[in-house]
Every structure is written in C-alpha cells, then in structure tokens.
Amino acid sequence: MKSFGASNIFLLGDDIEWEELGGGIKRKIMAYDDRIMLVNVHFEAGGVGTLHSHYHSQVTYVASGEFEFTVDNEVKLVKEGDALYIPPNTMHGTICKKSGVLIDVFSPIREDFML
C-alpha cells in the first residue's frame, strides 16, 4: 500500500474544491491518513452510486437528503441523521431520492480517490 501521508490538522470546507464525478455527483476529500479517510459526497436527485464493492470498511452518515441504499441485497431508504455500516467486500450502491450530502468514512484510505 502506497503511503499518502496525512492531511492538514484543520480543513476548512470552503478551501477544498469539489471534484465533479458526473451524473449529478461530486465529492470533497477531507481529512485522512493511511488508515482512515473522510469524504463528503454531494448528490443531485436522481444521482446513482452504482453497485460496487471494495476491501475497505465504510461508514456513511446522511448529512442531508434522502437515499435508497442497497447493501448486500437489502434495500433501505435513509434520510438526514441516519447512518449505515458497509463491511469490506460487500456489494452496495445508492440512488439519491432527494438532493443531499453523504459523509463517508473509509478504513483504510481509498487509494483510488487519491490518484
């Protein structure tokens, strides 16, 4: 695993550019070191996070909006204030029902996001 070091101690959201991912989705990589990473992901209504899996543990907090999540064939509507845990190597994806922001925490760091 390549080392990316660590982010600054304090990160001000207004100082970090959104990375446009297409399909009404954009993200900001916030705090990280090689063991953990926090990412803000903004979805417009109708945006789709396609089904995928990765070896990272993931915790997602719904900061705003509504999302239909599929995690390992279980489908659930989640809204502001809800959270979910996605174990490593588990298929998951989402459809944004109401524009909003997800806060994703990954362990270890998502190297693919850093390239």
PDB file of N, CA and C in Angstrom:
ATOM      1  N   MET A   1       0.848  -1.179   0.000  1.00  0.00           N
ATOM      2  CA  MET A   1       0.000   0.000   0.000  1.00  0.00           C
ATOM      3  C   MET A   1       0.891   1.239   0.000  1.00  0.00           C
ATOM      4  N   LYS A   2       0.616   2.124  -0.922  1.00  0.00           N
ATOM      5  CA  LYS A   2       1.361   3.378  -1.016  1.00  0.00           C
ATOM      6  C   LYS A   2       0.953   4.310   0.124  1.00  0.00           C
ATOM      7  N   SER A   3       1.903   5.038   0.685  1.00  0.00           N
ATOM      8  CA  SER A   3       1.598   5.992   1.744  1.00  0.00           C
ATOM      9  C   SER A   3       1.284   7.359   1.137  1.00  0.00           C
ATOM     10  N   PHE A   4       0.200   7.955   1.608  1.00  0.00           N
ATOM     11  CA  PHE A   4      -0.173   9.300   1.174  1.00  0.00           C
ATOM     12  C   PHE A   4       0.042  10.313   2.293  1.00  0.00           C
ATOM     13  N   GLY A   5       0.671   9.872   3.378  1.00  0.00           N
ATOM     14  CA  GLY A   5       0.898  10.780   4.491  1.00  0.00           C
ATOM     15  C   GLY A   5      -0.406  11.101   5.188  1.00  0.00           C
ATOM     16  N   ALA A   6      -0.545  12.338   5.608  1.00  0.00           N
ATOM     17  CA  ALA A   6      -1.755  12.756   6.310  1.00  0.00           C
ATOM     18  C   ALA A   6      -2.170  14.139   5.833  1.00  0.00           C
ATOM     19  N   SER A   7      -3.453  14.402   5.963  1.00  0.00           N
ATOM     20  CA  SER A   7      -3.972  15.728   5.617  1.00  0.00           C
ATOM     21  C   SER A   7      -3.529  16.731   6.675  1.00  0.00           C
ATOM     22  N   ASN A   8      -3.835  17.987   6.441  1.00  0.00           N
ATOM     23  CA  ASN A   8      -3.628  19.006   7.458  1.00  0.00           C
ATOM     24  C   ASN A   8      -4.494  18.682   8.669  1.00  0.00           C
ATOM     25  N   ILE A   9      -4.176  19.265   9.793  1.00  0.00           N
ATOM     26  CA  ILE A   9      -4.966  19.049  11.007  1.00  0.00           C
ATOM     27  C   ILE A   9      -6.360  19.662  10.851  1.00  0.00           C
ATOM     28  N   PHE A  10      -6.419  20.911  10.418  1.00  0.00           N
ATOM     29  CA  PHE A  10      -7.699  21.589  10.214  1.00  0.00           C
ATOM     30  C   PHE A  10      -7.943  21.737   8.724  1.00  0.00           C
ATOM     31  N   LEU A  11      -9.150  21.381   8.296  1.00  0.00           N
ATOM     32  CA  LEU A  11      -9.524  21.507   6.891  1.00  0.00           C
ATOM     33  C   LEU A  11     -10.822  22.296   6.819  1.00  0.00           C
ATOM     34  N   LEU A  12     -10.776  23.417   6.148  1.00  0.00           N
ATOM     35  CA  LEU A  12     -11.954  24.263   6.013  1.00  0.00           C
ATOM     36  C   LEU A  12     -12.646  23.925   4.702  1.00  0.00           C
ATOM     37  N   GLY A  13     -13.913  23.531   4.793  1.00  0.00           N
ATOM     38  CA  GLY A  13     -14.648  23.088   3.623  1.00  0.00           C
ATOM     39  C   GLY A  13     -14.623  24.061   2.463  1.00  0.00           C
ATOM     40  N   ASP A  14     -14.666  25.359   2.766  1.00  0.00           N
ATOM     41  CA  ASP A  14     -14.665  26.363   1.700  1.00  0.00           C
ATOM     42  C   ASP A  14     -13.340  26.420   0.947  1.00  0.00           C
ATOM     43  N   ASP A  15     -12.281  25.881   1.546  1.00  0.00           N
ATOM     44  CA  ASP A  15     -10.961  25.899   0.905  1.00  0.00           C
ATOM     45  C   ASP A  15     -10.709  24.682   0.020  1.00  0.00           C
ATOM     46  N   ILE A  16     -11.624  23.715   0.042  1.00  0.00           N
ATOM     47  CA  ILE A  16     -11.435  22.470  -0.712  1.00  0.00           C
ATOM     48  C   ILE A  16     -12.383  22.460  -1.906  1.00  0.00           C
ATOM     49  N   GLU A  17     -11.824  22.220  -3.078  1.00  0.00           N
ATOM     50  CA  GLU A  17     -12.617  22.188  -4.316  1.00  0.00           C
ATOM     51  C   GLU A  17     -13.432  20.893  -4.405  1.00  0.00           C
ATOM     52  N   TRP A  18     -14.629  21.000  -4.944  1.00  0.00           N
ATOM     53  CA  TRP A  18     -15.419  19.816  -5.267  1.00  0.00           C
ATOM     54  C   TRP A  18     -14.806  19.151  -6.490  1.00  0.00           C
ATOM     55  N   GLU A  19     -14.768  17.843  -6.488  1.00  0.00           N
ATOM     56  CA  GLU A  19     -14.336  17.060  -7.649  1.00  0.00           C
ATOM     57  C   GLU A  19     -15.601  16.538  -8.330  1.00  0.00           C
ATOM     58  N   GLU A  20     -15.855  16.997  -9.550  1.00  0.00           N
ATOM     59  CA  GLU A  20     -17.052  16.577 -10.288  1.00  0.00           C
ATOM     60  C   GLU A  20     -16.867  15.146 -10.776  1.00  0.00           C
ATOM     61  N   LEU A  21     -17.812  14.266 -10.439  1.00  0.00           N
ATOM     62  CA  LEU A  21     -17.736  12.862 -10.836  1.00  0.00           C
ATOM     63  C   LEU A  21     -18.691  12.538 -11.973  1.00  0.00           C
ATOM     64  N   GLY A  22     -19.580  13.474 -12.307  1.00  0.00           N
ATOM     65  CA  GLY A  22     -20.566  13.239 -13.357  1.00  0.00           C
ATOM     66  C   GLY A  22     -21.851  12.668 -12.787  1.00  0.00           C
ATOM     67  N   GLY A  23     -22.907  12.750 -13.564  1.00  0.00           N
ATOM     68  CA  GLY A  23     -24.192  12.191 -13.158  1.00  0.00           C
ATOM     69  C   GLY A  23     -24.797  12.860 -11.935  1.00  0.00           C
ATOM     70  N   GLY A  24     -24.448  14.134 -11.700  1.00  0.00           N
ATOM     71  CA  GLY A  24     -25.001  14.848 -10.557  1.00  0.00           C
ATOM     72  C   GLY A  24     -24.326  14.523  -9.234  1.00  0.00           C
ATOM     73  N   ILE A  25     -23.089  14.002  -9.303  1.00  0.00           N
ATOM     74  CA  ILE A  25     -22.350  13.628  -8.092  1.00  0.00           C
ATOM     75  C   ILE A  25     -21.014  14.362  -8.071  1.00  0.00           C
ATOM     76  N   LYS A  26     -20.658  14.876  -6.892  1.00  0.00           N
ATOM     77  CA  LYS A  26     -19.343  15.489  -6.708  1.00  0.00           C
ATOM     78  C   LYS A  26     -18.868  15.176  -5.294  1.00  0.00           C
ATOM     79  N   ARG A  27     -17.538  15.231  -5.081  1.00  0.00           N
ATOM     80  CA  ARG A  27     -17.007  14.902  -3.762  1.00  0.00           C
ATOM     81  C   ARG A  27     -15.874  15.825  -3.366  1.00  0.00           C
ATOM     82  N   LYS A  28     -15.674  15.905  -2.046  1.00  0.00           N
ATOM     83  CA  LYS A  28     -14.539  16.606  -1.448  1.00  0.00           C
ATOM     84  C   LYS A  28     -13.825  15.606  -0.553  1.00  0.00           C
ATOM     85  N   ILE A  29     -12.550  15.398  -0.816  1.00  0.00           N
ATOM     86  CA  ILE A  29     -11.753  14.573   0.087  1.00  0.00           C
ATOM     87  C   ILE A  29     -11.329  15.474   1.232  1.00  0.00           C
ATOM     88  N   MET A  30     -11.698  15.085   2.423  1.00  0.00           N
ATOM     89  CA  MET A  30     -11.432  15.911   3.600  1.00  0.00           C
ATOM     90  C   MET A  30     -10.213  15.345   4.336  1.00  0.00           C
ATOM     91  N   ALA A  31     -10.358  15.020   5.591  1.00  0.00           N
ATOM     92  CA  ALA A  31      -9.243  14.563   6.421  1.00  0.00           C
ATOM     93  C   ALA A  31      -8.887  13.107   6.121  1.00  0.00           C
ATOM     94  N   TYR A  32      -7.585  12.789   6.247  1.00  0.00           N
ATOM     95  CA  TYR A  32      -7.137  11.415   6.005  1.00  0.00           C
ATOM     96  C   TYR A  32      -5.728  11.190   6.542  1.00  0.00           C
ATOM     97  N   ASP A  33      -5.430   9.925   6.755  1.00  0.00           N
ATOM     98  CA  ASP A  33      -4.068   9.409   6.824  1.00  0.00           C
ATOM     99  C   ASP A  33      -4.145   8.036   6.170  1.00  0.00           C
ATOM    100  N   ASP A  34      -3.126   7.231   6.284  1.00  0.00           N
ATOM    101  CA  ASP A  34      -3.146   5.955   5.570  1.00  0.00           C
ATOM    102  C   ASP A  34      -4.168   4.959   6.122  1.00  0.00           C
ATOM    103  N   ARG A  35      -4.681   5.205   7.331  1.00  0.00           N
ATOM    104  CA  ARG A  35      -5.594   4.253   7.956  1.00  0.00           C
ATOM    105  C   ARG A  35      -7.060   4.639   7.874  1.00  0.00           C
ATOM    106  N   ILE A  36      -7.342   5.918   7.590  1.00  0.00           N
ATOM    107  CA  ILE A  36      -8.731   6.378   7.612  1.00  0.00           C
ATOM    108  C   ILE A  36      -8.897   7.578   6.681  1.00  0.00           C
ATOM    109  N   MET A  37     -10.096   7.740   6.147  1.00  0.00           N
ATOM    110  CA  MET A  37     -10.371   8.847   5.224  1.00  0.00           C
ATOM    111  C   MET A  37     -11.821   9.282   5.381  1.00  0.00           C
ATOM    112  N   LEU A  38     -12.044  10.612   5.348  1.00  0.00           N
ATOM    113  CA  LEU A  38     -13.382  11.176   5.398  1.00  0.00           C
ATOM    114  C   LEU A  38     -13.644  11.918   4.091  1.00  0.00           C
ATOM    115  N   VAL A  39     -14.794  11.624   3.467  1.00  0.00           N
ATOM    116  CA  VAL A  39     -15.138  12.199   2.168  1.00  0.00           C
ATOM    117  C   VAL A  39     -16.577  12.715   2.213  1.00  0.00           C
ATOM    118  N   ASN A  40     -16.785  13.949   1.757  1.00  0.00           N
ATOM    119  CA  ASN A  40     -18.134  14.490   1.572  1.00  0.00           C
ATOM    120  C   ASN A  40     -18.545  14.218   0.133  1.00  0.00           C
ATOM    121  N   VAL A  41     -19.738  13.656  -0.043  1.00  0.00           N
ATOM    122  CA  VAL A  41     -20.230  13.359  -1.388  1.00  0.00           C
ATOM    123  C   VAL A  41     -21.600  14.017  -1.553  1.00  0.00           C
ATOM    124  N   HIS A  42     -21.712  14.898  -2.558  1.00  0.00           N
ATOM    125  CA  HIS A  42     -22.967  15.597  -2.834  1.00  0.00           C
ATOM    126  C   HIS A  42     -23.649  14.942  -4.026  1.00  0.00           C
ATOM    127  N   PHE A  43     -24.931  14.624  -3.865  1.00  0.00           N
ATOM    128  CA  PHE A  43     -25.742  14.029  -4.924  1.00  0.00           C
ATOM    129  C   PHE A  43     -26.891  14.960  -5.269  1.00  0.00           C
ATOM    130  N   GLU A  44     -27.128  15.144  -6.553  1.00  0.00           N
ATOM    131  CA  GLU A  44     -28.373  15.746  -7.007  1.00  0.00           C
ATOM    132  C   GLU A  44     -29.418  14.634  -7.044  1.00  0.00           C
ATOM    133  N   ALA A  45     -30.694  14.987  -6.920  1.00  0.00           N
ATOM    134  CA  ALA A  45     -31.759  13.992  -7.004  1.00  0.00           C
ATOM    135  C   ALA A  45     -31.619  13.208  -8.303  1.00  0.00           C
ATOM    136  N   GLY A  46     -31.723  11.902  -8.217  1.00  0.00           N
ATOM    137  CA  GLY A  46     -31.580  11.032  -9.380  1.00  0.00           C
ATOM    138  C   GLY A  46     -30.166  10.527  -9.590  1.00  0.00           C
ATOM    139  N   GLY A  47     -29.194  11.084  -8.876  1.00  0.00           N
ATOM    140  CA  GLY A  47     -27.812  10.617  -8.985  1.00  0.00           C
ATOM    141  C   GLY A  47     -27.698   9.177  -8.500  1.00  0.00           C
ATOM    142  N   VAL A  48     -26.864   8.399  -9.179  1.00  0.00           N
ATOM    143  CA  VAL A  48     -26.724   6.974  -8.863  1.00  0.00           C
ATOM    144  C   VAL A  48     -25.287   6.647  -8.508  1.00  0.00           C
ATOM    145  N   GLY A  49     -25.108   6.097  -7.323  1.00  0.00           N
ATOM    146  CA  GLY A  49     -23.837   5.488  -6.944  1.00  0.00           C
ATOM    147  C   GLY A  49     -23.961   4.016  -7.307  1.00  0.00           C
ATOM    148  N   THR A  50     -23.366   3.618  -8.427  1.00  0.00           N
ATOM    149  CA  THR A  50     -23.563   2.268  -8.959  1.00  0.00           C
ATOM    150  C   THR A  50     -23.091   1.198  -7.977  1.00  0.00           C
ATOM    151  N   LEU A  51     -23.709   0.033  -8.064  1.00  0.00           N
ATOM    152  CA  LEU A  51     -23.327  -1.087  -7.210  1.00  0.00           C
ATOM    153  C   LEU A  51     -21.854  -1.403  -7.403  1.00  0.00           C
ATOM    154  N   HIS A  52     -21.141  -1.560  -6.297  1.00  0.00           N
ATOM    155  CA  HIS A  52     -19.715  -1.863  -6.323  1.00  0.00           C
ATOM    156  C   HIS A  52     -19.316  -2.438  -4.968  1.00  0.00           C
ATOM    157  N   SER A  53     -18.103  -2.926  -4.886  1.00  0.00           N
ATOM    158  CA  SER A  53     -17.558  -3.369  -3.605  1.00  0.00           C
ATOM    159  C   SER A  53     -16.092  -2.986  -3.548  1.00  0.00           C
ATOM    160  N   HIS A  54     -15.542  -2.953  -2.345  1.00  0.00           N
ATOM    161  CA  HIS A  54     -14.123  -2.658  -2.138  1.00  0.00           C
ATOM    162  C   HIS A  54     -13.708  -3.288  -0.814  1.00  0.00           C
ATOM    163  N   TYR A  55     -12.410  -3.412  -0.610  1.00  0.00           N
ATOM    164  CA  TYR A  55     -11.908  -4.098   0.583  1.00  0.00           C
ATOM    165  C   TYR A  55     -11.917  -3.220   1.841  1.00  0.00           C
ATOM    166  N   HIS A  56     -12.357  -1.991   1.712  1.00  0.00           N
ATOM    167  CA  HIS A  56     -12.385  -1.054   2.838  1.00  0.00           C
ATOM    168  C   HIS A  56     -13.652  -1.233   3.671  1.00  0.00           C
ATOM    169  N   SER A  57     -13.548  -1.006   4.972  1.00  0.00           N
ATOM    170  CA  SER A  57     -14.735  -0.818   5.800  1.00  0.00           C
ATOM    171  C   SER A  57     -15.250   0.584   5.493  1.00  0.00           C
ATOM    172  N   GLN A  58     -16.566   0.747   5.491  1.00  0.00           N
ATOM    173  CA  GLN A  58     -17.151   2.054   5.191  1.00  0.00           C
ATOM    174  C   GLN A  58     -18.284   2.347   6.161  1.00  0.00           C
ATOM    175  N   VAL A  59     -18.296   3.565   6.671  1.00  0.00           N
ATOM    176  CA  VAL A  59     -19.415   4.073   7.454  1.00  0.00           C
ATOM    177  C   VAL A  59     -19.911   5.313   6.724  1.00  0.00           C
ATOM    178  N   THR A  60     -21.217   5.403   6.524  1.00  0.00           N
ATOM    179  CA  THR A  60     -21.806   6.544   5.823  1.00  0.00           C
ATOM    180  C   THR A  60     -22.841   7.209   6.725  1.00  0.00           C
ATOM    181  N   TYR A  61     -22.737   8.532   6.844  1.00  0.00           N
ATOM    182  CA  TYR A  61     -23.695   9.343   7.588  1.00  0.00           C
ATOM    183  C   TYR A  61     -24.442  10.220   6.586  1.00  0.00           C
ATOM    184  N   VAL A  62     -25.756  10.246   6.678  1.00  0.00           N
ATOM    185  CA  VAL A  62     -26.571  11.072   5.787  1.00  0.00           C
ATOM    186  C   VAL A  62     -26.702  12.459   6.417  1.00  0.00           C
ATOM    187  N   ALA A  63     -25.931  13.416   5.888  1.00  0.00           N
ATOM    188  CA  ALA A  63     -25.948  14.787   6.407  1.00  0.00           C
ATOM    189  C   ALA A  63     -27.200  15.531   5.958  1.00  0.00           C
ATOM    190  N   SER A  64     -27.677  15.212   4.752  1.00  0.00           N
ATOM    191  CA  SER A  64     -28.905  15.821   4.235  1.00  0.00           C
ATOM    192  C   SER A  64     -29.415  14.973   3.082  1.00  0.00           C
ATOM    193  N   GLY A  65     -30.680  15.159   2.731  1.00  0.00           N
ATOM    194  CA  GLY A  65     -31.264  14.458   1.596  1.00  0.00           C
ATOM    195  C   GLY A  65     -31.868  13.111   1.965  1.00  0.00           C
ATOM    196  N   GLU A  66     -32.259  12.362   0.914  1.00  0.00           N
ATOM    197  CA  GLU A  66     -32.804  11.010   1.064  1.00  0.00           C
ATOM    198  C   GLU A  66     -32.174  10.120   0.013  1.00  0.00           C
ATOM    199  N   PHE A  67     -31.832   8.898   0.412  1.00  0.00           N
ATOM    200  CA  PHE A  67     -31.129   7.965  -0.456  1.00  0.00           C
ATOM    201  C   PHE A  67     -31.702   6.564  -0.292  1.00  0.00           C
ATOM    202  N   GLU A  68     -31.865   5.870  -1.411  1.00  0.00           N
ATOM    203  CA  GLU A  68     -32.234   4.462  -1.381  1.00  0.00           C
ATOM    204  C   GLU A  68     -30.944   3.662  -1.514  1.00  0.00           C
ATOM    205  N   PHE A  69     -30.528   3.028  -0.435  1.00  0.00           N
ATOM    206  CA  PHE A  69     -29.294   2.249  -0.431  1.00  0.00           C
ATOM    207  C   PHE A  69     -29.586   0.773  -0.609  1.00  0.00           C
ATOM    208  N   THR A  70     -28.747   0.119  -1.373  1.00  0.00           N
ATOM    209  CA  THR A  70     -28.720  -1.335  -1.454  1.00  0.00           C
ATOM    210  C   THR A  70     -27.397  -1.776  -0.854  1.00  0.00           C
ATOM    211  N   VAL A  71     -27.471  -2.626   0.165  1.00  0.00           N
ATOM    212  CA  VAL A  71     -26.273  -3.183   0.791  1.00  0.00           C
ATOM    213  C   VAL A  71     -26.487  -4.686   0.891  1.00  0.00           C
ATOM    214  N   ASP A  72     -25.690  -5.435   0.131  1.00  0.00           N
ATOM    215  CA  ASP A  72     -25.766  -6.902   0.149  1.00  0.00           C
ATOM    216  C   ASP A  72     -27.203  -7.387  -0.059  1.00  0.00           C
ATOM    217  N   ASN A  73     -27.868  -6.868  -1.086  1.00  0.00           N
ATOM    218  CA  ASN A  73     -29.229  -7.235  -1.488  1.00  0.00           C
ATOM    219  C   ASN A  73     -30.338  -6.727  -0.562  1.00  0.00           C
ATOM    220  N   GLU A  74     -29.997  -5.995   0.489  1.00  0.00           N
ATOM    221  CA  GLU A  74     -31.015  -5.371   1.334  1.00  0.00           C
ATOM    222  C   GLU A  74     -31.170  -3.915   0.902  1.00  0.00           C
ATOM    223  N   VAL A  75     -32.418  -3.495   0.686  1.00  0.00           N
ATOM    224  CA  VAL A  75     -32.702  -2.134   0.217  1.00  0.00           C
ATOM    225  C   VAL A  75     -33.393  -1.366   1.339  1.00  0.00           C
ATOM    226  N   LYS A  76     -32.907  -0.140   1.571  1.00  0.00           N
ATOM    227  CA  LYS A  76     -33.464   0.678   2.656  1.00  0.00           C
ATOM    228  C   LYS A  76     -33.408   2.147   2.264  1.00  0.00           C
ATOM    229  N   LEU A  77     -34.474   2.892   2.572  1.00  0.00           N
ATOM    230  CA  LEU A  77     -34.497   4.339   2.371  1.00  0.00           C
ATOM    231  C   LEU A  77     -33.928   4.989   3.632  1.00  0.00           C
ATOM    232  N   VAL A  78     -32.889   5.825   3.448  1.00  0.00           N
ATOM    233  CA  VAL A  78     -32.278   6.525   4.582  1.00  0.00           C
ATOM    234  C   VAL A  78     -32.370   8.022   4.332  1.00  0.00           C
ATOM    235  N   LYS A  79     -32.406   8.775   5.426  1.00  0.00           N
ATOM    236  CA  LYS A  79     -32.572  10.229   5.332  1.00  0.00           C
ATOM    237  C   LYS A  79     -31.639  10.914   6.320  1.00  0.00           C
ATOM    238  N   GLU A  80     -31.676  12.246   6.300  1.00  0.00           N
ATOM    239  CA  GLU A  80     -30.839  13.062   7.179  1.00  0.00           C
ATOM    240  C   GLU A  80     -30.835  12.523   8.608  1.00  0.00           C
ATOM    241  N   GLY A  81     -29.633  12.346   9.150  1.00  0.00           N
ATOM    242  CA  GLY A  81     -29.478  11.851  10.511  1.00  0.00           C
ATOM    243  C   GLY A  81     -29.283  10.357  10.613  1.00  0.00           C
ATOM    244  N   ASP A  82     -29.500   9.624   9.516  1.00  0.00           N
ATOM    245  CA  ASP A  82     -29.305   8.172   9.508  1.00  0.00           C
ATOM    246  C   ASP A  82     -27.862   7.828   9.149  1.00  0.00           C
ATOM    247  N   ALA A  83     -27.477   6.600   9.440  1.00  0.00           N
ATOM    248  CA  ALA A  83     -26.125   6.132   9.117  1.00  0.00           C
ATOM    249  C   ALA A  83     -26.180   4.660   8.745  1.00  0.00           C
ATOM    250  N   LEU A  84     -25.138   4.191   8.088  1.00  0.00           N
ATOM    251  CA  LEU A  84     -25.029   2.777   7.762  1.00  0.00           C
ATOM    252  C   LEU A  84     -23.573   2.341   7.785  1.00  0.00           C
ATOM    253  N   TYR A  85     -23.385   1.055   8.058  1.00  0.00           N
ATOM    254  CA  TYR A  85     -22.067   0.425   8.047  1.00  0.00           C
ATOM    255  C   TYR A  85     -22.038  -0.555   6.889  1.00  0.00           C
ATOM    256  N   ILE A  86     -20.983  -0.481   6.086  1.00  0.00           N
ATOM    257  CA  ILE A  86     -20.815  -1.386   4.947  1.00  0.00           C
ATOM    258  C   ILE A  86     -19.535  -2.182   5.183  1.00  0.00           C
ATOM    259  N   PRO A  87     -19.664  -3.485   5.445  1.00  0.00           N
ATOM    260  CA  PRO A  87     -18.476  -4.305   5.684  1.00  0.00           C
ATOM    261  C   PRO A  87     -17.604  -4.410   4.433  1.00  0.00           C
ATOM    262  N   PRO A  88     -16.335  -4.746   4.611  1.00  0.00           N
ATOM    263  CA  PRO A  88     -15.449  -4.935   3.457  1.00  0.00           C
ATOM    264  C   PRO A  88     -16.020  -5.967   2.480  1.00  0.00           C
ATOM    265  N   ASN A  89     -15.760  -5.750   1.197  1.00  0.00           N
ATOM    266  CA  ASN A  89     -16.118  -6.683   0.119  1.00  0.00           C
ATOM    267  C   ASN A  89     -17.619  -6.948   0.012  1.00  0.00           C
ATOM    268  N   THR A  90     -18.431  -5.970   0.391  1.00  0.00           N
ATOM    269  CA  THR A  90     -19.886  -6.091   0.320  1.00  0.00           C
ATOM    270  C   THR A  90     -20.408  -5.209  -0.811  1.00  0.00           C
ATOM    271  N   MET A  91     -21.218  -5.783  -1.701  1.00  0.00           N
ATOM    272  CA  MET A  91     -21.809  -5.002  -2.787  1.00  0.00           C
ATOM    273  C   MET A  91     -22.755  -3.953  -2.197  1.00  0.00           C
ATOM    274  N   HIS A  92     -22.641  -2.726  -2.721  1.00  0.00           N
ATOM    275  CA  HIS A  92     -23.501  -1.649  -2.243  1.00  0.00           C
ATOM    276  C   HIS A  92     -23.594  -0.548  -3.292  1.00  0.00           C
ATOM    277  N   GLY A  93     -24.661   0.219  -3.210  1.00  0.00           N
ATOM    278  CA  GLY A  93     -24.867   1.348  -4.110  1.00  0.00           C
ATOM    279  C   GLY A  93     -26.046   2.158  -3.616  1.00  0.00           C
ATOM    280  N   THR A  94     -26.291   3.299  -4.263  1.00  0.00           N
ATOM    281  CA  THR A  94     -27.382   4.160  -3.821  1.00  0.00           C
ATOM    282  C   THR A  94     -28.006   4.908  -4.988  1.00  0.00           C
ATOM    283  N   ILE A  95     -29.258   5.283  -4.802  1.00  0.00           N
ATOM    284  CA  ILE A  95     -29.967   6.185  -5.704  1.00  0.00           C
ATOM    285  C   ILE A  95     -30.432   7.355  -4.846  1.00  0.00           C
ATOM    286  N   CYS A  96     -30.081   8.556  -5.256  1.00  0.00           N
ATOM    287  CA  CYS A  96     -30.472   9.743  -4.499  1.00  0.00           C
ATOM    288  C   CYS A  96     -31.919  10.098  -4.829  1.00  0.00           C
ATOM    289  N   LYS A  97     -32.767  10.099  -3.819  1.00  0.00           N
ATOM    290  CA  LYS A  97     -34.175  10.427  -3.995  1.00  0.00           C
ATOM    291  C   LYS A  97     -34.450  11.913  -3.778  1.00  0.00           C
ATOM    292  N   LYS A  98     -33.672  12.534  -2.888  1.00  0.00           N
ATOM    293  CA  LYS A  98     -33.789  13.966  -2.597  1.00  0.00           C
ATOM    294  C   LYS A  98     -32.371  14.494  -2.430  1.00  0.00           C
ATOM    295  N   SER A  99     -32.010  15.500  -3.205  1.00  0.00           N
ATOM    296  CA  SER A  99     -30.655  16.052  -3.216  1.00  0.00           C
ATOM    297  C   SER A  99     -30.078  16.141  -1.807  1.00  0.00           C
ATOM    298  N   GLY A 100     -28.808  15.729  -1.655  1.00  0.00           N
ATOM    299  CA  GLY A 100     -28.216  15.764  -0.332  1.00  0.00           C
ATOM    300  C   GLY A 100     -26.742  15.420  -0.310  1.00  0.00           C
ATOM    301  N   VAL A 101     -26.230  15.296   0.914  1.00  0.00           N
ATOM    302  CA  VAL A 101     -24.808  15.047   1.141  1.00  0.00           C
ATOM    303  C   VAL A 101     -24.631  13.826   2.031  1.00  0.00           C
ATOM    304  N   LEU A 102     -23.733  12.947   1.603  1.00  0.00           N
ATOM    305  CA  LEU A 102     -23.305  11.810   2.407  1.00  0.00           C
ATOM    306  C   LEU A 102     -21.900  12.087   2.920  1.00  0.00           C
ATOM    307  N   ILE A 103     -21.634  11.699   4.148  1.00  0.00           N
ATOM    308  CA  ILE A 103     -20.285  11.773   4.700  1.00  0.00           C
ATOM    309  C   ILE A 103     -19.802  10.339   4.845  1.00  0.00           C
ATOM    310  N   ASP A 104     -18.813   9.980   4.030  1.00  0.00           N
ATOM    311  CA  ASP A 104     -18.270   8.624   4.017  1.00  0.00           C
ATOM    312  C   ASP A 104     -16.949   8.578   4.769  1.00  0.00           C
ATOM    313  N   VAL A 105     -16.793   7.550   5.594  1.00  0.00           N
ATOM    314  CA  VAL A 105     -15.529   7.285   6.274  1.00  0.00           C
ATOM    315  C   VAL A 105     -15.068   5.907   5.832  1.00  0.00           C
ATOM    316  N   PHE A 106     -13.826   5.829   5.364  1.00  0.00           N
ATOM    317  CA  PHE A 106     -13.247   4.578   4.879  1.00  0.00           C
ATOM    318  C   PHE A 106     -12.026   4.209   5.707  1.00  0.00           C
ATOM    319  N   SER A 107     -11.857   2.913   5.929  1.00  0.00           N
ATOM    320  CA  SER A 107     -10.635   2.415   6.554  1.00  0.00           C
ATOM    321  C   SER A 107     -10.239   1.126   5.848  1.00  0.00           C
ATOM    322  N   PRO A 108      -9.021   1.050   5.321  1.00  0.00           N
ATOM    323  CA  PRO A 108      -8.032   2.123   5.249  1.00  0.00           C
ATOM    324  C   PRO A 108      -8.413   3.157   4.180  1.00  0.00           C
ATOM    325  N   ILE A 109      -7.498   4.078   3.922  1.00  0.00           N
ATOM    326  CA  ILE A 109      -7.695   5.141   2.940  1.00  0.00           C
ATOM    327  C   ILE A 109      -8.062   4.558   1.571  1.00  0.00           C
ATOM    328  N   ARG A 110      -8.930   5.252   0.835  1.00  0.00           N
ATOM    329  CA  ARG A 110      -9.246   4.866  -0.541  1.00  0.00           C
ATOM    330  C   ARG A 110      -8.144   5.405  -1.447  1.00  0.00           C
ATOM    331  N   GLU A 111      -7.166   4.574  -1.731  1.00  0.00           N
ATOM    332  CA  GLU A 111      -6.038   4.979  -2.581  1.00  0.00           C
ATOM    333  C   GLU A 111      -6.517   5.454  -3.943  1.00  0.00           C
ATOM    334  N   ASP A 112      -7.563   4.800  -4.479  1.00  0.00           N
ATOM    335  CA  ASP A 112      -8.060   5.164  -5.805  1.00  0.00           C
ATOM    336  C   ASP A 112      -8.610   6.591  -5.835  1.00  0.00           C
ATOM    337  N   PHE A 113      -9.033   7.133  -4.714  1.00  0.00           N
ATOM    338  CA  PHE A 113      -9.518   8.510  -4.663  1.00  0.00           C
ATOM    339  C   PHE A 113      -8.369   9.511  -4.703  1.00  0.00           C
ATOM    340  N   MET A 114      -7.173   9.067  -4.381  1.00  0.00           N
ATOM    341  CA  MET A 114      -6.023   9.965  -4.262  1.00  0.00           C
ATOM    342  C   MET A 114      -5.254  10.117  -5.566  1.00  0.00           C
ATOM    343  N   LEU A 115      -5.578   9.316  -6.564  1.00  0.00           N
ATOM    344  CA  LEU A 115      -4.829   9.339  -7.823  1.00  0.00           C
ATOM    345  C   LEU A 115      -5.351  10.390  -8.773  1.00  0.00           C
TER     346      LEU A 115
END
